[in-house]
Protein backbone atom coordinates (compact mmCIF):
# COMPACT_ATOMS: atom_id res chain seq x y z
CA UNK A 1 -45.27 -62.06 -76.76
CA UNK A 2 -48.75 -60.61 -77.22
CA UNK A 3 -51.33 -59.09 -74.86
CA UNK A 4 -55.01 -58.19 -75.12
CA UNK A 5 -56.63 -55.32 -73.23
CA UNK A 6 -60.42 -54.94 -72.92
CA UNK A 7 -61.69 -51.60 -71.64
CA UNK A 8 -65.43 -51.63 -70.86
CA UNK A 9 -66.38 -48.00 -70.41
CA UNK A 10 -69.63 -46.10 -70.04
CA UNK A 11 -69.65 -44.78 -73.62
CA UNK A 12 -67.72 -47.39 -75.62
CA UNK A 13 -65.99 -50.76 -75.28
CA UNK A 14 -62.48 -51.23 -76.61
CA UNK A 15 -60.25 -54.15 -77.48
CA UNK A 16 -56.57 -53.69 -78.22
CA UNK A 17 -54.21 -56.51 -79.13
CA UNK A 18 -50.56 -55.64 -78.68
CA UNK A 19 -47.25 -57.24 -79.53
CA UNK A 20 -44.35 -56.50 -77.21
CA UNK A 21 -41.05 -55.79 -78.96
CA UNK A 22 -37.86 -55.81 -76.92
CA UNK A 23 -34.51 -54.42 -78.02
CA UNK A 24 -31.68 -53.92 -75.55
CA UNK A 25 -33.25 -51.87 -72.73
CA UNK A 26 -36.24 -50.59 -74.68
CA UNK A 27 -39.73 -51.99 -74.85
CA UNK A 28 -42.21 -51.02 -77.55
CA UNK A 29 -45.89 -51.93 -77.51
CA UNK A 30 -46.81 -52.53 -81.15
CA UNK A 31 -50.54 -52.26 -81.79
CA UNK A 32 -51.76 -55.21 -83.88
CA UNK A 33 -55.50 -54.65 -83.60
CA UNK A 34 -57.75 -51.97 -82.14
CA UNK A 35 -61.54 -52.06 -82.04
CA UNK A 36 -63.74 -49.41 -80.45
CA UNK A 37 -67.41 -50.38 -80.37
CA UNK A 38 -69.95 -47.65 -79.47
CA UNK A 39 -72.03 -49.32 -76.75
CA UNK A 40 -73.32 -46.78 -74.23
CA UNK A 41 -73.82 -48.83 -71.08
CA UNK A 42 -73.92 -45.60 -69.10
CA UNK A 43 -77.24 -44.59 -70.65
CA UNK A 44 -79.00 -47.53 -68.99
CA UNK A 45 -77.12 -47.43 -65.71
CA UNK A 46 -77.33 -43.70 -65.06
CA UNK A 47 -81.05 -43.70 -66.00
CA UNK A 48 -82.53 -46.90 -64.55
CA UNK A 49 -79.67 -48.16 -62.37
CA UNK A 50 -78.93 -51.31 -64.34
CA UNK A 51 -78.09 -52.65 -67.79
CA UNK A 52 -81.26 -53.47 -69.73
CA UNK A 53 -81.91 -57.00 -71.09
CA UNK A 54 -81.53 -55.73 -74.67
CA UNK A 55 -78.18 -54.08 -73.91
CA UNK A 56 -77.04 -57.13 -71.96
CA UNK A 57 -77.61 -59.39 -74.98
CA UNK A 58 -75.74 -56.97 -77.25
CA UNK A 59 -72.91 -56.90 -74.70
CA UNK A 60 -72.73 -60.71 -74.69
CA UNK A 61 -72.43 -60.76 -78.48
CA UNK A 62 -69.62 -58.20 -78.35
CA UNK A 63 -67.74 -60.14 -75.68
CA UNK A 64 -68.03 -63.29 -77.81
CA UNK A 65 -66.57 -61.37 -80.75
CA UNK A 66 -63.70 -60.08 -78.61
CA UNK A 67 -63.06 -63.58 -77.25
CA UNK A 68 -62.87 -64.86 -80.83
CA UNK A 69 -60.29 -62.20 -81.68
CA UNK A 70 -58.23 -63.09 -78.61
CA UNK A 71 -58.30 -66.76 -79.58
CA UNK A 72 -57.43 -66.05 -83.23
CA UNK A 73 -54.37 -64.07 -82.16
CA UNK A 74 -53.47 -66.89 -79.76
CA UNK A 75 -53.26 -64.55 -76.78
CA UNK A 76 -52.17 -66.17 -73.52
CA UNK A 77 -52.30 -63.08 -71.32
CA UNK A 78 -55.23 -60.68 -71.35
CA UNK A 79 -57.03 -58.42 -68.90
CA UNK A 80 -60.58 -57.18 -69.24
CA UNK A 81 -61.79 -54.42 -66.96
CA UNK A 82 -65.11 -52.65 -66.55
CA UNK A 83 -65.31 -49.17 -65.07
CA UNK A 84 -67.98 -46.72 -63.90
CA UNK A 85 -71.15 -47.99 -65.62
CA UNK A 86 -70.60 -51.66 -64.82
CA UNK A 87 -69.54 -51.05 -61.23
CA UNK A 88 -72.65 -48.92 -60.58
CA UNK A 89 -75.04 -51.27 -62.36
CA UNK A 90 -77.26 -53.41 -60.11
CA UNK A 91 -76.71 -56.38 -62.42
CA UNK A 92 -73.08 -55.66 -63.29
CA UNK A 93 -71.63 -58.54 -61.28
CA UNK A 94 -74.13 -61.05 -62.62
CA UNK A 95 -73.37 -60.01 -66.22
CA UNK A 96 -69.64 -60.38 -65.64
CA UNK A 97 -70.26 -63.85 -64.19
CA UNK A 98 -72.43 -64.77 -67.17
CA UNK A 99 -69.65 -63.75 -69.57
CA UNK A 100 -67.23 -66.05 -67.76
CA UNK A 101 -69.71 -68.97 -67.59
CA UNK A 102 -70.98 -68.80 -71.17
CA UNK A 103 -68.02 -67.37 -73.09
CA UNK A 104 -65.02 -68.23 -70.93
CA UNK A 105 -63.85 -64.62 -70.79
CA UNK A 106 -62.85 -63.32 -67.38
CA UNK A 107 -63.65 -59.66 -66.70
CA UNK A 108 -62.87 -57.50 -63.68
CA UNK A 109 -65.02 -54.68 -62.32
CA UNK A 110 -62.43 -52.22 -61.07
CA UNK A 111 -62.74 -49.25 -58.72
CA UNK A 112 -62.13 -45.68 -59.77
CA UNK A 113 -58.92 -45.78 -57.74
CA UNK A 114 -57.68 -48.90 -59.53
CA UNK A 115 -58.58 -47.37 -62.89
CA UNK A 116 -56.57 -44.26 -62.06
CA UNK A 117 -53.61 -46.29 -60.83
CA UNK A 118 -53.38 -48.30 -64.04
CA UNK A 119 -53.30 -45.15 -66.17
CA UNK A 120 -50.98 -43.35 -63.75
CA UNK A 121 -48.39 -46.11 -63.92
CA UNK A 122 -47.93 -45.24 -67.58
CA UNK A 123 -48.29 -41.47 -67.24
CA UNK A 124 -45.67 -41.21 -64.50
CA UNK A 125 -42.93 -42.82 -66.60
CA UNK A 126 -42.40 -39.67 -68.66
CA UNK A 127 -42.92 -36.91 -66.09
CA UNK A 128 -40.30 -34.49 -64.84
CA UNK A 129 -40.12 -32.88 -61.39
CA UNK A 130 -42.76 -30.23 -62.05
CA UNK A 131 -46.27 -30.29 -60.57
CA UNK A 132 -49.06 -31.79 -62.66
CA UNK A 133 -52.75 -32.50 -62.32
CA UNK A 134 -53.84 -35.50 -64.35
CA UNK A 135 -57.47 -35.34 -65.55
CA UNK A 136 -58.97 -38.56 -66.91
CA UNK A 137 -62.56 -38.07 -68.07
CA UNK A 138 -64.62 -41.14 -68.87
CA UNK A 139 -68.28 -41.56 -69.61
CA UNK A 140 -69.30 -41.99 -66.00
CA UNK A 141 -66.44 -40.79 -63.83
CA UNK A 142 -63.49 -38.44 -63.67
CA UNK A 143 -60.24 -39.39 -61.99
CA UNK A 144 -57.95 -36.61 -60.74
CA UNK A 145 -54.33 -37.10 -59.65
CA UNK A 146 -51.64 -34.69 -58.48
CA UNK A 147 -47.97 -35.34 -59.23
CA UNK A 148 -44.86 -33.75 -57.76
CA UNK A 149 -41.26 -34.83 -58.35
CA UNK A 150 -42.44 -37.71 -60.57
CA UNK A 151 -44.55 -39.14 -57.73
CA UNK A 152 -48.32 -39.29 -57.37
CA UNK A 153 -49.18 -37.56 -54.12
CA UNK A 154 -52.99 -37.37 -54.21
CA UNK A 155 -55.86 -38.89 -56.14
CA UNK A 156 -59.65 -38.76 -56.14
CA UNK A 157 -62.46 -40.21 -58.25
CA UNK A 158 -65.68 -38.29 -58.87
CA UNK A 159 -69.02 -39.47 -60.29
CA UNK A 160 -68.87 -36.97 -63.11
CA UNK A 161 -68.36 -37.98 -66.74
CA UNK A 162 -69.27 -37.10 -70.31
CA UNK A 163 -72.31 -39.40 -70.62
CA UNK A 164 -73.51 -38.64 -67.10
CA UNK A 165 -73.32 -34.90 -67.86
CA UNK A 166 -74.87 -35.23 -71.32
CA UNK A 167 -77.92 -36.94 -69.85
CA UNK A 168 -78.14 -34.51 -66.91
CA UNK A 169 -77.30 -37.09 -64.26
CA UNK A 170 -74.38 -35.03 -62.96
CA UNK A 171 -74.95 -33.47 -59.57
CA UNK A 172 -74.13 -29.82 -58.72
CA UNK A 173 -72.90 -31.15 -55.39
CA UNK A 174 -70.32 -33.33 -57.14
CA UNK A 175 -69.12 -30.38 -59.23
CA UNK A 176 -68.78 -28.34 -56.05
CA UNK A 177 -66.95 -31.15 -54.25
CA UNK A 178 -64.54 -31.63 -57.15
CA UNK A 179 -63.72 -27.94 -57.42
CA UNK A 180 -63.24 -27.71 -53.65
CA UNK A 181 -60.96 -30.74 -53.63
CA UNK A 182 -58.76 -29.22 -56.34
CA UNK A 183 -58.73 -25.81 -54.63
CA UNK A 184 -57.78 -27.36 -51.28
CA UNK A 185 -54.78 -29.10 -52.82
CA UNK A 186 -53.34 -25.96 -54.39
CA UNK A 187 -54.23 -23.31 -51.80
CA UNK A 188 -50.68 -23.17 -50.40
CA UNK A 189 -48.92 -23.87 -53.69
CA UNK A 190 -47.37 -20.90 -55.50
CA UNK A 191 -45.74 -22.59 -58.48
CA UNK A 192 -46.89 -23.52 -61.97
CA UNK A 193 -49.32 -26.42 -62.47
CA UNK A 194 -49.68 -28.15 -65.81
CA UNK A 195 -52.63 -30.40 -66.65
CA UNK A 196 -52.37 -33.80 -68.30
CA UNK A 197 -55.53 -34.86 -70.12
CA UNK A 198 -56.43 -38.44 -71.01
CA UNK A 199 -59.55 -39.91 -72.60
CA UNK A 200 -60.93 -40.07 -76.10
CA UNK A 201 -62.54 -36.64 -75.95
CA UNK A 202 -59.43 -34.67 -75.03
CA UNK A 203 -57.55 -36.40 -77.84
CA UNK A 204 -60.22 -35.32 -80.30
CA UNK A 205 -60.27 -31.79 -78.87
CA UNK A 206 -56.51 -31.59 -79.33
CA UNK A 207 -56.83 -32.83 -82.91
CA UNK A 208 -59.48 -30.21 -83.65
CA UNK A 209 -57.29 -27.45 -82.19
CA UNK A 210 -54.73 -27.99 -84.96
CA UNK A 211 -52.00 -26.95 -82.55
CA UNK A 212 -48.52 -27.55 -83.92
CA UNK A 213 -46.75 -28.06 -80.59
CA UNK A 214 -46.04 -31.56 -79.37
CA UNK A 215 -49.23 -32.84 -77.74
CA UNK A 216 -49.84 -29.66 -75.73
CA UNK A 217 -52.40 -26.86 -75.91
CA UNK A 218 -53.31 -23.86 -73.82
CA UNK A 219 -56.49 -23.48 -71.79
CA UNK A 220 -57.48 -20.57 -74.07
CA UNK A 221 -57.12 -22.79 -77.12
CA UNK A 222 -59.21 -25.51 -75.51
CA UNK A 223 -61.95 -22.99 -74.71
CA UNK A 224 -61.89 -21.70 -78.30
CA UNK A 225 -62.34 -25.25 -79.61
CA UNK A 226 -65.26 -25.70 -77.24
CA UNK A 227 -66.88 -22.48 -78.48
CA UNK A 228 -66.35 -23.64 -82.07
CA UNK A 229 -68.15 -26.91 -81.31
CA UNK A 230 -70.97 -25.20 -79.41
CA UNK A 231 -71.74 -23.07 -82.47
CA UNK A 232 -72.41 -26.24 -84.48
CA UNK A 233 -75.42 -28.48 -84.44
CA UNK A 234 -74.98 -32.14 -83.59
CA UNK A 235 -75.47 -32.96 -87.25
CA UNK A 236 -72.78 -30.44 -88.24
CA UNK A 237 -70.32 -32.02 -85.83
CA UNK A 238 -70.99 -35.41 -87.39
CA UNK A 239 -71.01 -34.31 -91.03
CA UNK A 240 -68.55 -31.40 -91.21
CA UNK A 241 -66.09 -32.72 -88.61
CA UNK A 242 -66.81 -36.39 -89.28
CA UNK A 243 -67.19 -37.19 -85.60
CA UNK A 244 -68.82 -40.48 -84.69
CA UNK A 245 -72.32 -39.97 -83.23
CA UNK A 246 -71.21 -41.21 -79.80
CA UNK A 247 -68.34 -38.72 -79.86
CA UNK A 248 -70.22 -35.77 -81.34
CA UNK A 249 -72.74 -35.59 -78.49
CA UNK A 250 -70.40 -36.08 -75.52
CA UNK A 251 -67.40 -34.00 -76.59
CA UNK A 252 -68.84 -30.71 -75.29
CA UNK A 253 -69.89 -32.12 -71.88
CA UNK A 254 -66.43 -33.68 -71.59
CA UNK A 255 -64.74 -30.38 -72.43
CA UNK A 256 -66.71 -28.74 -69.61
CA UNK A 257 -64.99 -31.07 -67.15
CA UNK A 258 -61.46 -30.57 -68.49
CA UNK A 259 -61.92 -26.80 -68.54
CA UNK A 260 -63.53 -26.73 -65.09
CA UNK A 261 -60.70 -28.69 -63.47
CA UNK A 262 -58.01 -26.65 -65.23
CA UNK A 263 -59.60 -23.42 -64.05
CA UNK A 264 -59.88 -24.70 -60.49
CA UNK A 265 -56.20 -25.73 -60.57
CA UNK A 266 -55.08 -22.51 -62.32
CA UNK A 267 -53.49 -24.67 -65.03
CA UNK A 268 -52.80 -22.66 -68.15
CA UNK A 269 -52.04 -25.58 -70.46
CA UNK A 270 -52.73 -29.28 -70.91
CA UNK A 271 -50.52 -32.07 -72.22
CA UNK A 272 -52.41 -34.69 -74.24
CA UNK A 273 -50.19 -37.80 -74.37
CA UNK A 274 -52.63 -40.11 -76.23
CA UNK A 275 -52.48 -42.68 -73.44
CA UNK A 276 -55.45 -44.42 -71.89
CA UNK A 277 -56.59 -47.34 -69.79
CA UNK A 278 -55.67 -49.86 -72.50
CA UNK A 279 -52.04 -48.71 -72.24
CA UNK A 280 -52.20 -49.07 -68.47
CA UNK A 281 -53.48 -52.62 -68.93
CA UNK A 282 -50.57 -53.44 -71.27
CA UNK A 283 -48.09 -52.12 -68.75
CA UNK A 284 -49.80 -54.00 -65.93
CA UNK A 285 -49.66 -57.28 -67.89
CA UNK A 286 -46.03 -56.80 -68.83
CA UNK A 287 -45.01 -56.12 -65.25
CA UNK A 288 -47.06 -59.05 -63.98
CA UNK A 289 -45.71 -61.67 -66.34
CA UNK A 290 -42.37 -60.19 -67.38
CA UNK A 291 -40.86 -57.97 -64.63
CA UNK A 292 -39.28 -54.87 -66.15
CA UNK A 293 -36.69 -53.82 -63.59
CA UNK A 294 -34.13 -51.56 -65.19
CA UNK A 295 -35.97 -51.34 -68.48
CA UNK A 296 -37.42 -48.34 -70.29
CA UNK A 297 -41.02 -48.27 -71.46
CA UNK A 298 -41.66 -46.78 -74.88
CA UNK A 299 -45.13 -45.62 -75.98
CA UNK A 300 -47.23 -47.46 -78.57
CA UNK A 301 -45.90 -47.59 -82.11
């Protein structure tokens, strides 16, 4: 069986086509195709409150291309979801309806809570009984979740993201509210808290850290990587580090958010599992169409 996941974010739009492999009690999601297209819907939405006509037409072309890929792979089950930029856009719903009418592709504008839940369903599968704070930074929003004993106990979405911060649309009040929320959750907690970071920027920050440990780095290492990037020009980050333009400009604002939350939570290290919304969509589709009771989920191969 094969699935398709469409993730319409504020900074980029992704399509992943996955084949599900089953052997005994193990399930592996085998990536067949992955496309990340740099379309910054958040620039329009966070500036003028809606997606511009020019960006809307480009979006329609991209959705047609993704629909063609889904058809070519003969996908029966897919799920397309739009997050912060589309849900805040004044014309978001009408654009989603237009995609369905003209292209035959059904998209869903999901809440920050739903977005967090889809990622958390995957994250929680491999947690132990320690306490974790999961930080998912997108272009327009940040989702925070606390885990204890392999269970999510608290979650909150904040209008604070890499694109929003880059373009100075982040509010000091939101920063204050986020830090207070984190502080309130840990004020009576005396144990160790470990962060879990998801999102394209934290994966790139981990890669740049050149840490040898398995998908984990310290807060000090993360801050050193940030300093390293801050001492480069945008052009240097693109040429010397070969970062895509839409990654090179948002990676520092994104790192501010990861570092800020970790400091508020007194987390000394962050696990970077290379899992995102697309993986949550795969897991959602599998559970919807092929119930997985008693089975073990294995990460993408």
